[in-house]
Amino acid sequence: MPMRRDSRIFIVGHNDSIENSLKKHFQAEGFSQVLSNTLDRVNVLDQTQVVNFFKKFKPEYVFLGSLRSGGITANQKFPAEFIHENIRSQGLVIEEARRWNVKKLLYYSSSCVYPKEAKQPIQEGSLMTGPLEPTSESYAIAKIAGTKMCQAYKAQYGLHAIVAVPATLYGPGSDTDIETAHVLGALIAKFHKAKKEGADEVVVWGSGKPRREFLYVDDFVSASLFLMEHYDGTDVVNIGSGFDVAIKHLALMIKEIIGCKAKVVFDASKPDGAMRKLMDNTRIRKLGWKPKVSLEEGIEKTYANYSAIVFPSQKKGKI
C-alpha cells in the first residue's frame, strides 16, 4: 500500500527517535501532509482533541509510537505514567483510526514485551509465554495491550493495523538525558560530559554483562516504510539488527569514539534489567528487508550530531 507525496500521515510519539526520524524522512522526501502530536500540539490523552483532529485532518496512514518511554531509571521512577499514558493514548488513536477508516496503522511495540527468560534470539511467538522483566513491567503491559488491541480491531472491524517490535532505537535526535534516555543515549551524554570536564571516571549502571540490541534510525525508517507497503498480516514482526552487544563493550566503544580518557566503573548495586534481549529478525528478512548500518558507524553518526548540537560553533565530533 504505497504512500503518495500528498498522503495524509499522522505520527504519534513524544519527540523521540520514532517521531523525529519519521518526520525527518517524510520532510526530506517532499511529503506535504505530515502531522505529529508533538509538532502540531495534539494532546492524544484528551479524547475531544483526538476526535476533533481525526475529524478535521482525516489521516490515511498512522504511525503509532509511545507517549512515554525510556530506560531503567525512567521506568522505575514513573511506572504509573508509563502504563496510564500509553494505554490511554493508543486506545484513543486506534479507536479513531477505526472510525475514520484509515488505510493503514503501524503500531510500535517494544522488545520488553517478551518474557524475561525468553529463548534467544527472541521469536515473535514467545509473546505472553512467561513473566516479564520487573524493571519495565508497566511499559511492557501497556505495549502488550496496544498489540492486542490492534489484533482485536483487525479481527472485529477489519482495521488495517500491523504491529512491529523495533529493537532499541538510536541515532541523531535520540534522547541523551541521563535521567530518561535508553542506555546508548545516556552513555553518549556521560562520556561527552566526562571528556569536557576532564573527569577521572564514568559510572555505568549495572554489571556491564547484559547484552542489548540496537537499531539505527535510518534502518528503522526503512523497515517501517517496507512494512507499510508490503505487510498486512496479523502476526507481530520484529525489526532488529540481528546483533547484540554487552553493555561493557558498548561503553568502551562509545568511550573510544568520543575520545574520553576516563576510567569506566560499573556499579553492580544498580539493576541490570534483562540479561539479554536479542530479537530474531528472520520474519522480516524473509519478507525482503534487512538492516544496513553497523553499530560503530551508527554511534559515530549519532555522536557527530550530538556534539555539533552541544557545541554548534565547533567541528562535528570535536570539543
Protein backbone atom coordinates (compact mmCIF):
# COMPACT_ATOMS: atom_id res chain seq x y z
CA MET A 1 0.00 0.00 0.00
CA PRO A 2 2.34 2.76 -1.24
CA MET A 3 2.02 6.24 0.23
CA ARG A 4 1.73 9.22 -2.12
CA ARG A 5 3.52 12.52 -1.59
CA ASP A 6 0.15 14.08 -0.72
CA SER A 7 -0.99 11.27 1.59
CA ARG A 8 -2.25 12.45 4.97
CA ILE A 9 0.12 10.99 7.58
CA PHE A 10 -0.14 11.18 11.37
CA ILE A 11 2.81 10.27 13.62
CA VAL A 12 2.37 9.73 17.37
CA GLY A 13 5.38 9.93 19.66
CA HIS A 14 6.97 12.13 22.31
CA ASN A 15 9.66 13.99 20.38
CA ASP A 16 11.59 10.71 20.42
CA SER A 17 13.57 8.73 17.84
CA ILE A 18 10.43 7.21 16.32
CA GLU A 19 8.66 10.52 15.80
CA ASN A 20 11.73 12.53 14.79
CA SER A 21 13.19 10.01 12.34
CA LEU A 22 9.88 9.53 10.55
CA LYS A 23 9.21 13.28 10.33
CA LYS A 24 12.73 13.86 9.00
CA HIS A 25 12.26 11.22 6.30
CA PHE A 26 8.89 12.49 5.10
CA GLN A 27 10.07 16.10 5.06
CA ALA A 28 13.18 15.18 3.07
CA GLU A 29 11.07 13.23 0.56
CA GLY A 30 8.65 16.08 -0.03
CA PHE A 31 5.54 14.69 1.66
CA SER A 32 3.20 17.66 2.04
CA GLN A 33 0.69 16.50 4.67
CA VAL A 34 2.58 15.05 7.64
CA LEU A 35 1.46 15.91 11.17
CA SER A 36 2.54 14.69 14.58
CA ASN A 37 1.03 15.03 18.03
CA THR A 38 4.12 16.85 19.35
CA LEU A 39 4.72 19.23 16.45
CA ASP A 40 1.06 20.04 15.95
CA ARG A 41 0.11 20.07 19.63
CA VAL A 42 -2.47 17.32 19.57
CA ASN A 43 -2.93 16.04 23.11
CA VAL A 44 -3.54 12.35 22.46
CA LEU A 45 -4.54 11.89 26.11
CA ASP A 46 -7.57 14.13 25.50
CA GLN A 47 -10.44 12.34 23.80
CA THR A 48 -12.02 15.52 22.49
CA GLN A 49 -8.78 16.67 20.86
CA VAL A 50 -8.17 13.26 19.26
CA VAL A 51 -11.75 13.07 17.94
CA ASN A 52 -11.59 16.60 16.54
CA PHE A 53 -8.16 16.03 14.99
CA PHE A 54 -9.27 12.91 13.10
CA LYS A 55 -12.47 14.63 12.00
CA LYS A 56 -10.54 17.61 10.61
CA PHE A 57 -7.36 16.01 9.22
CA LYS A 58 -8.71 12.53 8.29
CA PRO A 59 -5.35 10.69 8.40
CA GLU A 60 -4.81 7.96 5.83
CA TYR A 61 -1.72 6.46 7.46
CA VAL A 62 -0.91 6.38 11.18
CA PHE A 63 2.46 5.58 12.76
CA LEU A 64 1.60 4.94 16.41
CA GLY A 65 4.50 5.12 18.86
CA SER A 66 4.65 5.65 22.61
CA LEU A 67 3.72 8.72 24.60
CA ARG A 68 6.18 7.62 27.29
CA SER A 69 9.31 5.50 27.01
CA GLY A 70 12.80 5.40 28.50
CA GLY A 71 15.48 3.38 30.23
CA ILE A 72 15.52 1.62 33.60
CA THR A 73 15.69 4.86 35.59
CA ALA A 74 12.60 6.36 33.95
CA ASN A 75 10.69 3.06 34.10
CA GLN A 76 11.28 2.75 37.83
CA LYS A 77 10.53 6.40 38.56
CA PHE A 78 7.33 6.77 36.52
CA PRO A 79 5.61 3.34 36.25
CA ALA A 80 2.13 4.85 36.67
CA GLU A 81 2.61 7.36 33.86
CA PHE A 82 4.18 4.71 31.62
CA ILE A 83 1.18 2.42 31.85
CA HIS A 84 -1.59 5.04 32.02
CA GLU A 85 -0.44 7.46 29.32
CA ASN A 86 0.48 4.78 26.79
CA ILE A 87 -2.70 2.74 27.24
CA ARG A 88 -4.94 5.82 27.09
CA SER A 89 -3.28 7.49 24.10
CA GLN A 90 -3.03 4.38 21.95
CA GLY A 91 -6.60 3.42 22.79
CA LEU A 92 -7.96 6.78 21.67
CA VAL A 93 -5.92 6.82 18.46
CA ILE A 94 -6.76 3.24 17.44
CA GLU A 95 -10.49 3.83 18.03
CA GLU A 96 -10.49 6.98 15.88
CA ALA A 97 -8.43 5.21 13.21
CA ARG A 98 -11.24 2.65 13.03
CA ARG A 99 -13.99 5.28 12.96
CA TRP A 100 -12.35 7.20 10.13
CA ASN A 101 -11.26 4.13 8.13
CA VAL A 102 -7.54 4.86 7.94
CA LYS A 103 -5.84 2.97 5.13
CA LYS A 104 -3.20 1.55 7.45
CA LEU A 105 -1.91 1.87 11.00
CA LEU A 106 1.54 0.74 12.10
CA TYR A 107 1.78 0.22 15.86
CA TYR A 108 5.19 0.13 17.51
CA SER A 109 5.54 -2.28 20.40
CA SER A 110 8.78 -2.87 22.34
CA SER A 111 11.22 -5.70 22.93
CA CYS A 112 10.39 -5.53 26.65
CA VAL A 113 7.02 -7.18 25.89
CA TYR A 114 8.81 -10.50 25.60
CA PRO A 115 9.32 -12.71 28.67
CA LYS A 116 12.41 -12.10 30.79
CA GLU A 117 13.58 -15.67 30.22
CA ALA A 118 12.57 -15.94 26.57
CA LYS A 119 14.78 -18.17 24.42
CA GLN A 120 17.36 -16.14 22.47
CA PRO A 121 17.14 -14.83 19.84
CA ILE A 122 13.54 -13.97 20.69
CA GLN A 123 10.91 -15.08 18.21
CA GLU A 124 7.60 -13.26 17.87
CA GLY A 125 5.73 -16.35 19.06
CA SER A 126 7.21 -16.05 22.56
CA LEU A 127 4.92 -13.11 23.36
CA MET A 128 2.95 -13.74 26.59
CA THR A 129 4.61 -17.10 27.30
CA GLY A 130 6.27 -16.12 30.58
CA PRO A 131 6.88 -13.45 33.26
CA LEU A 132 8.13 -10.01 32.19
CA GLU A 133 11.27 -8.20 33.32
CA PRO A 134 10.12 -6.36 36.50
CA THR A 135 12.04 -3.13 35.80
CA SER A 136 9.98 -2.44 32.66
CA GLU A 137 6.73 -4.24 33.51
CA SER A 138 4.40 -1.22 33.41
CA TYR A 139 5.60 -0.13 29.99
CA ALA A 140 5.57 -3.70 28.68
CA ILE A 141 1.98 -4.28 29.79
CA ALA A 142 0.89 -1.08 28.03
CA LYS A 143 2.60 -2.16 24.81
CA ILE A 144 1.10 -5.66 25.02
CA ALA A 145 -2.34 -4.07 25.45
CA GLY A 146 -1.76 -1.99 22.30
CA THR A 147 -0.66 -5.05 20.37
CA LYS A 148 -3.75 -7.00 21.35
CA MET A 149 -5.98 -4.01 20.62
CA CYS A 150 -4.63 -3.80 17.08
CA GLN A 151 -5.22 -7.52 16.56
CA ALA A 152 -8.73 -7.31 18.04
CA TYR A 153 -9.69 -4.31 15.90
CA LYS A 154 -8.38 -6.07 12.82
CA ALA A 155 -10.36 -9.22 13.62
CA GLN A 156 -13.63 -7.46 14.52
CA TYR A 157 -13.61 -4.34 12.33
CA GLY A 158 -11.14 -5.12 9.58
CA LEU A 159 -8.83 -2.26 10.64
CA HIS A 160 -5.62 -2.47 8.64
CA ALA A 161 -3.39 -2.43 11.71
CA ILE A 162 0.01 -4.10 11.86
CA VAL A 163 2.41 -4.43 14.80
CA ALA A 164 6.19 -4.10 14.75
CA VAL A 165 8.64 -4.64 17.59
CA PRO A 166 11.74 -2.50 16.97
CA ALA A 167 14.97 -3.00 18.85
CA THR A 168 16.12 -0.06 20.96
CA LEU A 169 16.50 2.88 18.57
CA TYR A 170 19.37 5.33 18.44
CA GLY A 171 20.68 7.98 16.10
CA PRO A 172 20.67 11.76 15.59
CA GLY A 173 17.98 13.28 17.79
CA SER A 174 17.97 10.41 20.30
CA ASP A 175 17.23 11.19 23.94
CA THR A 176 20.52 11.87 25.75
CA ASP A 177 19.05 12.95 29.08
CA ILE A 178 20.77 10.71 31.62
CA GLU A 179 17.57 10.52 33.70
CA THR A 180 15.27 9.37 30.90
CA ALA A 181 17.33 8.02 28.00
CA HIS A 182 17.95 4.44 27.00
CA VAL A 183 21.44 3.17 27.73
CA LEU A 184 23.16 4.17 24.49
CA GLY A 185 21.99 7.79 24.58
CA ALA A 186 22.77 8.07 28.29
CA LEU A 187 26.30 6.73 27.75
CA ILE A 188 27.00 9.22 24.97
CA ALA A 189 25.97 12.05 27.30
CA LYS A 190 28.02 10.67 30.21
CA PHE A 191 31.22 10.18 28.25
CA HIS A 192 30.87 13.51 26.48
CA LYS A 193 30.42 15.27 29.84
CA ALA A 194 33.38 13.39 31.32
CA LYS A 195 35.61 14.41 28.40
CA LYS A 196 34.55 18.03 28.63
CA GLU A 197 35.13 18.19 32.39
CA GLY A 198 38.26 16.01 32.46
CA ALA A 199 36.62 13.56 34.86
CA ASP A 200 38.61 10.61 36.17
CA GLU A 201 35.82 8.06 35.87
CA VAL A 202 32.42 7.37 34.34
CA VAL A 203 29.97 5.29 36.35
CA VAL A 204 27.77 2.89 34.37
CA TRP A 205 24.75 1.29 35.98
CA GLY A 206 24.81 -2.48 36.46
CA SER A 207 27.45 -5.15 35.99
CA GLY A 208 28.08 -4.46 32.30
CA LYS A 209 27.19 -8.07 31.48
CA PRO A 210 23.68 -7.63 29.99
CA ARG A 211 23.53 -7.65 26.21
CA ARG A 212 21.39 -5.29 24.17
CA GLU A 213 20.38 -4.96 20.54
CA PHE A 214 20.25 -1.54 18.88
CA LEU A 215 18.75 -0.31 15.62
CA TYR A 216 19.91 2.83 13.83
CA VAL A 217 17.09 5.24 12.97
CA ASP A 218 17.66 5.08 9.20
CA ASP A 219 17.22 1.30 9.30
CA PHE A 220 14.14 1.75 11.49
CA VAL A 221 12.56 4.14 8.96
CA SER A 222 13.28 1.88 6.01
CA ALA A 223 11.78 -1.12 7.84
CA SER A 224 8.68 0.91 8.80
CA LEU A 225 8.06 2.00 5.21
CA PHE A 226 8.71 -1.52 3.98
CA LEU A 227 6.09 -2.96 6.34
CA MET A 228 3.58 -0.24 5.49
CA GLU A 229 3.86 -1.12 1.82
CA HIS A 230 4.42 -4.88 1.91
CA TYR A 231 2.88 -6.40 5.04
CA ASP A 232 -0.71 -6.77 6.15
CA GLY A 233 -0.56 -9.81 8.41
CA THR A 234 -1.84 -10.29 11.94
CA ASP A 235 1.41 -11.60 13.38
CA VAL A 236 3.83 -9.29 15.17
CA VAL A 237 7.05 -8.53 13.24
CA ASN A 238 10.43 -7.93 14.90
CA ILE A 239 12.59 -5.13 13.48
CA GLY A 240 16.15 -5.71 14.60
CA SER A 241 19.77 -5.67 13.55
CA GLY A 242 20.23 -9.33 14.40
CA PHE A 243 23.26 -8.41 16.53
CA ASP A 244 23.66 -7.57 20.21
CA VAL A 245 26.49 -6.26 22.36
CA ALA A 246 27.39 -6.41 26.06
CA ILE A 247 26.89 -3.11 27.88
CA LYS A 248 30.56 -3.26 28.93
CA HIS A 249 31.71 -3.44 25.31
CA LEU A 250 29.18 -0.77 24.29
CA ALA A 251 30.54 1.59 26.95
CA LEU A 252 34.13 1.01 25.82
CA MET A 253 33.16 1.53 22.17
CA ILE A 254 31.44 4.83 22.96
CA LYS A 255 34.38 5.92 25.14
CA GLU A 256 36.80 5.30 22.26
CA ILE A 257 34.62 7.02 19.64
CA ILE A 258 34.25 10.11 21.85
CA GLY A 259 37.91 10.09 22.81
CA CYS A 260 37.28 10.11 26.55
CA LYS A 261 40.15 9.15 28.87
CA ALA A 262 38.08 8.48 31.99
CA LYS A 263 38.05 5.06 33.65
CA VAL A 264 34.82 3.08 33.25
CA VAL A 265 33.36 1.90 36.56
CA PHE A 266 30.38 -0.45 36.72
CA ASP A 267 28.02 -0.03 39.68
CA ALA A 268 26.76 -3.57 40.30
CA SER A 269 24.42 -2.31 43.04
CA LYS A 270 22.20 -0.88 40.30
CA PRO A 271 19.76 -3.11 38.35
CA ASP A 272 20.86 -4.85 35.17
CA GLY A 273 17.39 -5.41 33.78
CA ALA A 274 17.01 -8.39 31.46
CA MET A 275 20.35 -10.08 30.80
CA ARG A 276 19.72 -10.36 27.08
CA LYS A 277 17.14 -9.08 24.56
CA LEU A 278 18.23 -10.14 21.10
CA MET A 279 15.31 -10.48 18.72
CA ASP A 280 15.02 -12.94 15.86
CA ASN A 281 14.60 -10.90 12.66
CA THR A 282 14.03 -13.90 10.37
CA ARG A 283 10.41 -12.97 9.63
CA ILE A 284 11.13 -9.51 8.23
CA ARG A 285 14.25 -10.73 6.39
CA LYS A 286 12.14 -13.34 4.63
CA LEU A 287 9.72 -10.59 3.63
CA GLY A 288 12.63 -8.82 1.93
CA TRP A 289 14.10 -6.27 4.36
CA LYS A 290 17.50 -6.19 6.09
CA PRO A 291 19.45 -3.57 8.09
CA LYS A 292 22.40 -1.66 6.58
CA VAL A 293 24.07 0.45 9.32
CA SER A 294 26.63 -1.14 11.66
CA LEU A 295 26.65 -0.27 15.36
CA GLU A 296 30.02 1.50 15.21
CA GLU A 297 29.02 3.56 12.18
CA GLY A 298 25.71 4.45 13.79
CA ILE A 299 27.32 5.58 17.05
CA GLU A 300 29.84 7.73 15.14
CA LYS A 301 26.99 9.46 13.27
CA THR A 302 24.97 9.88 16.45
CA TYR A 303 27.86 11.43 18.35
CA ALA A 304 28.81 13.73 15.49
CA ASN A 305 25.27 15.09 15.52
CA TYR A 306 25.15 15.33 19.33
CA SER A 307 28.46 17.19 19.65
CA ALA A 308 27.50 19.58 16.85
CA ILE A 309 24.33 20.50 18.76
CA VAL A 310 26.10 20.85 22.11
CA PHE A 311 28.92 22.87 20.56
CA PRO A 312 27.46 24.30 17.32
CA SER A 313 30.49 26.50 16.63
CA GLN A 314 32.87 23.55 16.78
CA LYS A 315 33.54 20.92 14.15
CA LYS A 316 31.43 17.80 14.45
CA GLY A 317 32.78 15.27 16.91
CA LYS A 318 35.25 17.73 18.45
CA ILE A 319 35.27 19.51 21.76
